[in-house]
């Protein structure tokens, strides 16, 4: 007779992890709770960034008798305190009234894009048949667009070798050179000159264009500012350059192309015989 071996029998011979198992009912409850949380978070409204409107910091106008009537010259400065957005499609409206309050001149002037965290100087001229007693500058709200680069990537265009010469007719002839700090060629730039007295008050302004501005090859600009009161003394000429156009796309393209390094000249001095920093680090490791 052969004795049969007794083999223990398990009701559920499963393989794998045999620790604590979460009951099915509790698992369903946890999943439902997670779905409720996700739904609640998704329904919450995200905070909308509030952008501050442009501010007209300065404005001035001058009236000069001309052959066609009166030449109305104006200058202004718009400020953009939003550090990450361009102010685009801005239009200035210049209105002149006579002593009786009758409108004698009106002109809409499309302006260039106001850079993030920067300012925009602009000038213009119109002709009026009657002499205005008061000229005001207003502007339409800007359309905002997020800049393609950080604020420090938008560099100023260097202005060098400037001269301000007063002419016999009372106007001012202003010359200089504008450079391009970026690797990409700037197709067109607007150069603005603002005349100020010794206290910094804005007196008048003028503008001109320069095209095909390559890095290292600054073109010369020449512009004339007229309408300055005869008894006023000009103490300072403030000159700036910017990209041309109602949008900030040209400025964005220049910044995305990269700026030139500040130091482009190879050092002329001999290198150090011993690198002191390397020597100090070696001693520290020992």
Protein backbone atom coordinates (compact mmCIF):
# COMPACT_ATOMS: atom_id res chain seq x y z
CA UNK A 1 0.00 0.00 0.00
CA UNK A 2 1.32 3.39 -0.98
CA UNK A 3 0.88 6.35 1.42
CA UNK A 4 -0.30 9.51 -0.36
CA UNK A 5 1.27 12.80 0.60
CA UNK A 6 -0.98 15.49 2.05
CA UNK A 7 -0.70 18.77 0.18
CA UNK A 8 -2.19 21.88 1.88
CA UNK A 9 -4.82 23.59 -0.25
CA UNK A 10 -5.26 27.40 -0.31
CA UNK A 11 -8.59 28.84 -1.28
CA UNK A 12 -7.03 31.53 -3.49
CA UNK A 13 -3.42 30.85 -4.56
CA UNK A 14 -2.47 34.35 -5.86
CA UNK A 15 1.00 35.66 -6.71
CA UNK A 16 2.40 39.15 -6.16
CA UNK A 17 1.98 41.63 -3.29
CA UNK A 18 0.04 40.27 -0.32
CA UNK A 19 0.09 43.34 1.94
CA UNK A 20 -2.83 45.53 2.85
CA UNK A 21 -5.36 45.84 0.06
CA UNK A 22 -7.67 48.86 -0.19
CA UNK A 23 -11.27 47.67 -0.39
CA UNK A 24 -13.06 48.28 -3.66
CA UNK A 25 -15.67 50.52 -2.06
CA UNK A 26 -13.00 52.81 -0.55
CA UNK A 27 -11.11 52.99 -3.89
CA UNK A 28 -14.21 54.17 -5.67
CA UNK A 29 -14.77 56.84 -2.98
CA UNK A 30 -11.20 58.18 -3.35
CA UNK A 31 -11.50 58.38 -7.13
CA UNK A 32 -14.77 60.26 -6.85
CA UNK A 33 -13.22 62.71 -4.37
CA UNK A 34 -10.29 63.35 -6.73
CA UNK A 35 -12.64 64.01 -9.63
CA UNK A 36 -14.58 66.52 -7.54
CA UNK A 37 -11.36 68.35 -6.60
CA UNK A 38 -10.20 68.52 -10.21
CA UNK A 39 -13.56 69.81 -11.35
CA UNK A 40 -13.55 72.50 -8.66
CA UNK A 41 -10.01 73.61 -9.54
CA UNK A 42 -10.86 73.78 -13.24
CA UNK A 43 -13.92 75.89 -12.60
CA UNK A 44 -11.96 78.53 -10.69
CA UNK A 45 -11.35 81.65 -12.78
CA UNK A 46 -7.69 82.42 -13.41
CA UNK A 47 -6.64 85.95 -12.42
CA UNK A 48 -6.39 88.28 -15.41
CA UNK A 49 -3.32 90.51 -15.54
CA UNK A 50 -4.37 94.15 -15.47
CA UNK A 51 -2.39 96.33 -17.87
CA UNK A 52 -1.99 100.01 -17.12
CA UNK A 53 -2.93 102.45 -19.90
CA UNK A 54 -0.37 104.60 -21.66
CA UNK A 55 0.32 107.98 -20.09
CA UNK A 56 1.01 111.21 -21.96
CA UNK A 57 3.89 112.51 -19.84
CA UNK A 58 4.68 115.66 -21.85
CA UNK A 59 3.23 117.67 -24.69
CA UNK A 60 4.05 120.98 -26.30
CA UNK A 61 2.93 122.86 -29.41
CA UNK A 62 4.24 125.86 -31.33
CA UNK A 63 2.58 127.96 -34.04
CA UNK A 64 4.49 129.66 -36.83
CA UNK A 65 3.11 131.92 -39.58
CA UNK A 66 3.50 130.32 -43.00
CA UNK A 67 2.56 131.05 -46.61
CA UNK A 68 -0.52 128.79 -46.38
CA UNK A 69 -1.69 130.12 -43.03
CA UNK A 70 -0.18 128.77 -39.81
CA UNK A 71 2.13 125.82 -39.26
CA UNK A 72 1.23 123.95 -36.09
CA UNK A 73 4.14 121.93 -34.66
CA UNK A 74 3.80 119.56 -31.73
CA UNK A 75 5.82 117.09 -29.69
CA UNK A 76 4.87 114.60 -27.01
CA UNK A 77 6.12 111.69 -24.94
CA UNK A 78 4.03 108.58 -24.22
CA UNK A 79 5.02 106.30 -21.35
CA UNK A 80 4.39 102.54 -21.05
CA UNK A 81 4.77 101.19 -17.49
CA UNK A 82 3.94 97.59 -18.47
CA UNK A 83 7.30 95.76 -18.56
CA UNK A 84 6.19 92.77 -20.67
CA UNK A 85 3.81 94.21 -23.29
CA UNK A 86 4.03 96.39 -26.39
CA UNK A 87 1.46 99.14 -26.78
CA UNK A 88 0.44 98.88 -30.44
CA UNK A 89 -1.83 100.67 -32.95
CA UNK A 90 -1.81 103.92 -31.00
CA UNK A 91 -3.28 106.99 -32.74
CA UNK A 92 -2.77 110.53 -31.47
CA UNK A 93 -5.42 113.16 -32.20
CA UNK A 94 -4.24 116.76 -32.35
CA UNK A 95 -6.97 119.41 -32.07
CA UNK A 96 -6.56 123.20 -32.23
CA UNK A 97 -9.18 125.80 -31.25
CA UNK A 98 -9.18 129.54 -31.79
CA UNK A 99 -10.00 132.17 -29.15
CA UNK A 100 -13.76 131.63 -29.64
CA UNK A 101 -13.47 127.86 -29.13
CA UNK A 102 -13.97 127.01 -32.80
CA UNK A 103 -12.00 124.04 -34.06
CA UNK A 104 -9.52 125.22 -36.69
CA UNK A 105 -7.28 122.16 -37.05
CA UNK A 106 -7.64 118.44 -36.40
CA UNK A 107 -5.30 115.64 -37.35
CA UNK A 108 -5.03 111.93 -36.53
CA UNK A 109 -1.43 110.76 -36.31
CA UNK A 110 -0.68 107.00 -36.21
CA UNK A 111 2.16 106.39 -33.77
CA UNK A 112 4.82 103.72 -33.58
CA UNK A 113 4.61 100.91 -31.04
CA UNK A 114 5.53 101.87 -27.47
CA UNK A 115 8.17 99.41 -26.17
CA UNK A 116 7.69 97.45 -22.92
CA UNK A 117 8.58 99.53 -19.89
CA UNK A 118 9.72 102.38 -22.12
CA UNK A 119 8.56 105.62 -23.69
CA UNK A 120 7.78 106.93 -27.14
CA UNK A 121 8.74 110.42 -28.29
CA UNK A 122 6.77 111.70 -31.29
CA UNK A 123 6.47 114.91 -33.27
CA UNK A 124 4.28 116.21 -36.09
CA UNK A 125 3.12 119.19 -38.09
CA UNK A 126 -0.15 120.36 -39.65
CA UNK A 127 -1.40 123.51 -41.42
CA UNK A 128 -4.28 125.68 -40.18
CA UNK A 129 -5.96 128.53 -42.03
CA UNK A 130 -6.72 130.32 -38.75
CA UNK A 131 -4.33 130.73 -35.86
CA UNK A 132 -5.10 128.28 -33.01
CA UNK A 133 -5.11 129.70 -29.51
CA UNK A 134 -4.92 126.29 -27.85
CA UNK A 135 -3.67 122.91 -29.11
CA UNK A 136 -4.28 119.65 -27.26
CA UNK A 137 -3.05 116.09 -27.86
CA UNK A 138 -5.18 113.05 -27.09
CA UNK A 139 -4.68 109.39 -28.00
CA UNK A 140 -6.72 106.26 -28.46
CA UNK A 141 -6.13 103.32 -26.08
CA UNK A 142 -3.40 100.94 -27.16
CA UNK A 143 -3.78 97.31 -28.16
CA UNK A 144 -1.51 95.15 -26.01
CA UNK A 145 0.76 92.35 -27.20
CA UNK A 146 3.11 90.22 -25.12
CA UNK A 147 6.76 90.81 -26.03
CA UNK A 148 8.77 87.93 -27.47
CA UNK A 149 11.78 88.52 -25.20
CA UNK A 150 12.55 89.67 -21.68
CA UNK A 151 12.72 93.46 -21.13
CA UNK A 152 16.54 93.55 -20.92
CA UNK A 153 16.77 92.13 -24.47
CA UNK A 154 15.39 95.37 -25.95
CA UNK A 155 18.41 97.64 -26.10
CA UNK A 156 18.54 101.31 -27.00
CA UNK A 157 20.00 102.46 -30.30
CA UNK A 158 23.22 104.38 -29.55
CA UNK A 159 23.34 108.01 -30.70
CA UNK A 160 26.81 109.54 -31.16
CA UNK A 161 28.58 112.66 -32.48
CA UNK A 162 25.55 114.91 -32.17
CA UNK A 163 25.46 118.63 -32.93
CA UNK A 164 22.73 121.21 -32.35
CA UNK A 165 23.13 124.42 -34.36
CA UNK A 166 20.80 127.40 -34.24
CA UNK A 167 19.98 128.86 -37.65
CA UNK A 168 19.35 132.49 -38.63
CA UNK A 169 15.61 131.90 -39.00
CA UNK A 170 15.37 130.63 -35.41
CA UNK A 171 15.18 126.93 -36.28
CA UNK A 172 17.66 124.33 -35.05
CA UNK A 173 19.70 121.99 -37.23
CA UNK A 174 20.52 118.70 -35.50
CA UNK A 175 22.95 116.09 -36.83
CA UNK A 176 24.45 112.88 -35.52
CA UNK A 177 24.90 109.15 -36.06
CA UNK A 178 22.68 106.26 -34.99
CA UNK A 179 24.08 102.75 -34.47
CA UNK A 180 22.48 99.31 -34.30
CA UNK A 181 23.32 97.14 -31.24
CA UNK A 182 21.78 94.00 -32.80
CA UNK A 183 23.15 91.37 -35.17
CA UNK A 184 20.26 91.80 -37.60
CA UNK A 185 20.07 94.85 -39.87
CA UNK A 186 17.38 97.38 -38.91
CA UNK A 187 15.42 98.15 -42.08
CA UNK A 188 14.10 101.53 -40.87
CA UNK A 189 14.52 103.62 -37.72
CA UNK A 190 12.87 106.85 -36.60
CA UNK A 191 15.14 109.44 -34.98
CA UNK A 192 13.48 111.98 -32.67
CA UNK A 193 15.09 115.10 -31.24
CA UNK A 194 13.51 116.89 -28.28
CA UNK A 195 14.72 120.37 -27.32
CA UNK A 196 14.61 121.31 -23.63
CA UNK A 197 15.50 124.34 -21.54
CA UNK A 198 17.81 124.31 -18.53
CA UNK A 199 14.97 123.19 -16.24
CA UNK A 200 14.20 120.19 -18.47
CA UNK A 201 10.95 121.58 -19.88
CA UNK A 202 10.05 120.33 -23.36
CA UNK A 203 10.21 123.17 -25.92
CA UNK A 204 9.87 121.57 -29.35
CA UNK A 205 10.81 118.49 -31.35
CA UNK A 206 11.51 117.06 -34.78
CA UNK A 207 12.03 113.69 -36.42
CA UNK A 208 13.58 111.97 -39.43
CA UNK A 209 14.17 108.46 -40.80
CA UNK A 210 17.26 106.36 -41.44
CA UNK A 211 17.17 103.12 -43.41
CA UNK A 212 19.29 99.96 -43.64
CA UNK A 213 21.13 100.44 -40.34
CA UNK A 214 23.83 97.77 -39.97
CA UNK A 215 25.80 97.08 -36.81
CA UNK A 216 29.13 98.88 -36.86
CA UNK A 217 28.08 101.16 -39.76
CA UNK A 218 26.11 104.01 -38.18
CA UNK A 219 24.45 106.26 -40.78
CA UNK A 220 24.27 110.01 -40.34
CA UNK A 221 20.97 111.76 -39.72
CA UNK A 222 19.98 115.41 -40.25
CA UNK A 223 16.77 117.02 -39.03
CA UNK A 224 15.38 120.49 -38.42
CA UNK A 225 13.29 121.68 -35.47
CA UNK A 226 11.28 124.85 -36.01
CA UNK A 227 8.76 126.81 -34.02
CA UNK A 228 10.93 127.41 -30.97
CA UNK A 229 10.00 130.72 -29.29
CA UNK A 230 12.60 133.40 -30.02
CA UNK A 231 13.28 134.27 -26.37
CA UNK A 232 13.67 130.66 -25.28
CA UNK A 233 17.16 129.26 -24.79
CA UNK A 234 17.75 125.62 -25.65
CA UNK A 235 20.00 123.97 -23.07
CA UNK A 236 19.72 120.29 -24.02
CA UNK A 237 18.90 118.14 -27.04
CA UNK A 238 17.47 114.71 -26.21
CA UNK A 239 17.80 112.31 -29.16
CA UNK A 240 16.33 108.80 -29.34
CA UNK A 241 15.84 106.21 -32.08
CA UNK A 242 13.26 103.45 -32.41
CA UNK A 243 11.88 100.96 -34.90
CA UNK A 244 9.26 102.20 -37.34
CA UNK A 245 5.74 100.75 -37.45
CA UNK A 246 2.50 100.53 -35.48
CA UNK A 247 3.45 97.10 -34.07
CA UNK A 248 6.46 95.96 -32.07
CA UNK A 249 7.26 93.13 -34.50
CA UNK A 250 10.39 94.83 -35.99
CA UNK A 251 11.77 95.40 -32.47
CA UNK A 252 10.93 91.80 -31.54
CA UNK A 253 12.73 90.47 -34.62
CA UNK A 254 15.87 92.45 -33.79
CA UNK A 255 15.88 91.20 -30.18
CA UNK A 256 15.24 87.58 -31.25
CA UNK A 257 18.24 87.82 -33.61
CA UNK A 258 20.47 88.60 -30.65
CA UNK A 259 22.56 91.58 -29.62
CA UNK A 260 26.24 92.09 -30.32
CA UNK A 261 28.65 91.50 -27.43
CA UNK A 262 29.75 94.61 -25.59
CA UNK A 263 33.48 93.87 -26.04
CA UNK A 264 34.37 93.01 -29.65
CA UNK A 265 38.09 93.92 -29.61
CA UNK A 266 40.63 91.21 -28.82
CA UNK A 267 42.77 91.96 -25.71
CA UNK A 268 46.25 93.32 -26.48
CA UNK A 269 47.90 92.55 -23.12
CA UNK A 270 49.85 89.36 -22.49
CA UNK A 271 48.04 86.60 -20.54
CA UNK A 272 48.99 85.99 -16.91
CA UNK A 273 51.85 83.54 -16.38
CA UNK A 274 49.92 81.81 -13.61
CA UNK A 275 46.15 81.69 -13.34
CA UNK A 276 45.65 82.86 -9.77
CA UNK A 277 42.08 81.57 -9.54
CA UNK A 278 43.15 78.07 -10.61
CA UNK A 279 46.01 78.15 -8.11
CA UNK A 280 43.69 79.13 -5.26
CA UNK A 281 41.21 76.40 -6.13
CA UNK A 282 44.00 73.77 -6.24
CA UNK A 283 45.24 74.75 -2.78
CA UNK A 284 41.69 74.66 -1.45
CA UNK A 285 41.18 71.10 -2.73
CA UNK A 286 44.44 69.95 -1.08
